[in-house]
C-alpha atoms as a PDB file:
ATOM      1  CA  MET A   1     118.503  76.932  60.817  1.00  0.00           C
ATOM      2  CA  ALA A   2     114.889  75.818  60.961  1.00  0.00           C
ATOM      3  CA  GLU A   3     112.303  77.377  63.249  1.00  0.00           C
ATOM      4  CA  ILE A   4     111.404  73.983  64.720  1.00  0.00           C
ATOM      5  CA  THR A   5     113.774  71.851  66.776  1.00  0.00           C
ATOM      6  CA  LEU A   6     113.013  68.195  67.441  1.00  0.00           C
ATOM      7  CA  TYR A   7     114.977  66.476  70.196  1.00  0.00           C
ATOM      8  CA  GLY A   8     114.820  62.730  69.787  1.00  0.00           C
ATOM      9  CA  ALA A   9     116.672  59.459  69.290  1.00  0.00           C
ATOM     10  CA  ASP A  10     116.879  57.037  66.401  1.00  0.00           C
ATOM     11  CA  TRP A  11     115.520  54.166  68.543  1.00  0.00           C
ATOM     12  CA  CYS A  12     112.379  56.112  69.534  1.00  0.00           C
ATOM     13  CA  ALA A  13     109.245  55.137  67.574  1.00  0.00           C
ATOM     14  CA  ASP A  14     107.413  58.402  68.417  1.00  0.00           C
ATOM     15  CA  CYS A  15     110.433  60.384  67.235  1.00  0.00           C
ATOM     16  CA  LYS A  16     110.461  58.506  63.925  1.00  0.00           C
ATOM     17  CA  ARG A  17     106.722  59.108  63.497  1.00  0.00           C
ATOM     18  CA  SER A  18     107.074  62.840  64.229  1.00  0.00           C
ATOM     19  CA  ARG A  19     109.988  63.159  61.815  1.00  0.00           C
ATOM     20  CA  GLU A  20     108.038  61.308  59.118  1.00  0.00           C
ATOM     21  CA  TRP A  21     105.068  63.632  59.705  1.00  0.00           C
ATOM     22  CA  PHE A  22     107.243  66.749  59.319  1.00  0.00           C
ATOM     23  CA  ASN A  23     108.882  65.295  56.199  1.00  0.00           C
ATOM     24  CA  SER A  24     105.585  64.277  54.573  1.00  0.00           C
ATOM     25  CA  ASN A  25     104.210  67.778  55.192  1.00  0.00           C
ATOM     26  CA  ASN A  26     107.378  69.451  53.850  1.00  0.00           C
ATOM     27  CA  ILE A  27     108.029  71.164  57.171  1.00  0.00           C
ATOM     28  CA  GLU A  28     111.623  72.085  57.840  1.00  0.00           C
ATOM     29  CA  TYR A  29     113.022  71.232  61.265  1.00  0.00           C
ATOM     30  CA  ASP A  30     116.325  70.673  63.003  1.00  0.00           C
ATOM     31  CA  TYR A  31     116.811  67.207  64.465  1.00  0.00           C
ATOM     32  CA  ILE A  32     118.988  66.798  67.536  1.00  0.00           C
ATOM     33  CA  ASP A  33     119.810  63.215  68.509  1.00  0.00           C
ATOM     34  CA  ILE A  34     120.053  63.159  72.310  1.00  0.00           C
ATOM     35  CA  ASP A  35     122.312  60.098  72.147  1.00  0.00           C
ATOM     36  CA  SER A  36     124.966  61.698  69.971  1.00  0.00           C
ATOM     37  CA  VAL A  37     124.860  65.444  70.666  1.00  0.00           C
ATOM     38  CA  GLU A  38     126.619  66.349  73.887  1.00  0.00           C
ATOM     39  CA  GLY A  39     124.323  68.101  76.345  1.00  0.00           C
ATOM     40  CA  ALA A  40     121.157  67.402  74.354  1.00  0.00           C
ATOM     41  CA  ALA A  41     119.763  64.850  76.825  1.00  0.00           C
ATOM     42  CA  ASP A  42     120.385  67.315  79.651  1.00  0.00           C
ATOM     43  CA  LYS A  43     118.543  70.043  77.709  1.00  0.00           C
ATOM     44  CA  VAL A  44     115.543  67.727  77.263  1.00  0.00           C
ATOM     45  CA  ALA A  45     115.579  66.897  80.980  1.00  0.00           C
ATOM     46  CA  GLU A  46     115.741  70.620  81.799  1.00  0.00           C
ATOM     47  CA  ILE A  47     112.752  71.383  79.564  1.00  0.00           C
ATOM     48  CA  ASN A  48     110.751  68.469  80.990  1.00  0.00           C
ATOM     49  CA  LYS A  49     111.491  69.033  84.686  1.00  0.00           C
ATOM     50  CA  GLY A  50     113.914  66.131  84.988  1.00  0.00           C
ATOM     51  CA  LEU A  51     112.320  63.723  82.518  1.00  0.00           C
ATOM     52  CA  LYS A  52     114.065  62.768  79.292  1.00  0.00           C
ATOM     53  CA  SER A  53     110.782  62.526  77.365  1.00  0.00           C
ATOM     54  CA  ILE A  54     111.159  62.454  73.608  1.00  0.00           C
ATOM     55  CA  PRO A  55     110.292  63.664  71.151  1.00  0.00           C
ATOM     56  CA  THR A  56     110.471  67.119  72.646  1.00  0.00           C
ATOM     57  CA  ILE A  57     109.685  69.675  69.963  1.00  0.00           C
ATOM     58  CA  ILE A  58     110.319  73.405  70.315  1.00  0.00           C
ATOM     59  CA  PHE A  59     108.577  75.816  67.947  1.00  0.00           C
ATOM     60  CA  ALA A  60     109.575  79.314  66.800  1.00  0.00           C
ATOM     61  CA  ASP A  61     107.093  80.955  69.175  1.00  0.00           C
ATOM     62  CA  GLY A  62     108.714  79.182  72.151  1.00  0.00           C
ATOM     63  CA  SER A  63     105.905  76.672  72.596  1.00  0.00           C
ATOM     64  CA  ILE A  64     106.834  73.076  73.307  1.00  0.00           C
ATOM     65  CA  LEU A  65     105.138  69.767  72.566  1.00  0.00           C
ATOM     66  CA  VAL A  66     106.305  66.558  74.231  1.00  0.00           C
ATOM     67  CA  GLU A  67     105.428  63.199  72.689  1.00  0.00           C
ATOM     68  CA  PRO A  68     102.762  64.814  70.473  1.00  0.00           C
ATOM     69  CA  SER A  69     100.369  62.957  68.208  1.00  0.00           C
ATOM     70  CA  ASN A  70     100.198  63.823  64.516  1.00  0.00           C
ATOM     71  CA  ALA A  71      96.916  65.630  65.235  1.00  0.00           C
ATOM     72  CA  GLN A  72      98.619  67.771  67.890  1.00  0.00           C
ATOM     73  CA  LEU A  73     101.401  68.648  65.445  1.00  0.00           C
ATOM     74  CA  ALA A  74      98.848  69.628  62.798  1.00  0.00           C
ATOM     75  CA  LYS A  75      96.945  71.777  65.286  1.00  0.00           C
ATOM     76  CA  GLN A  76     100.144  73.477  66.466  1.00  0.00           C
ATOM     77  CA  LEU A  77     101.035  74.400  62.885  1.00  0.00           C
ATOM     78  CA  ASN A  78      97.465  75.238  61.836  1.00  0.00           C
ATOM     79  CA  LEU A  79      97.337  72.382  59.325  1.00  0.00           C
ATOM     80  CA  LYS A  80      94.356  70.151  58.643  1.00  0.00           C
END
């Protein structure tokens, strides 16, 4: 199990971009598709105070980024 969990959907452009960024930087993560995993959409709504904003990314330290840019992901992981 990876230390990063990305909640998203295959139709979401920001989710695809975030996944591509993780993959291109060889960063392991777990992907949870909110359309196919039961309860996942509810978990995202719980995290985001009722909004189903994706991608919602949870890091090992408990921090959360919602709809982050590539620059925000790099900063979170101390990458340049």
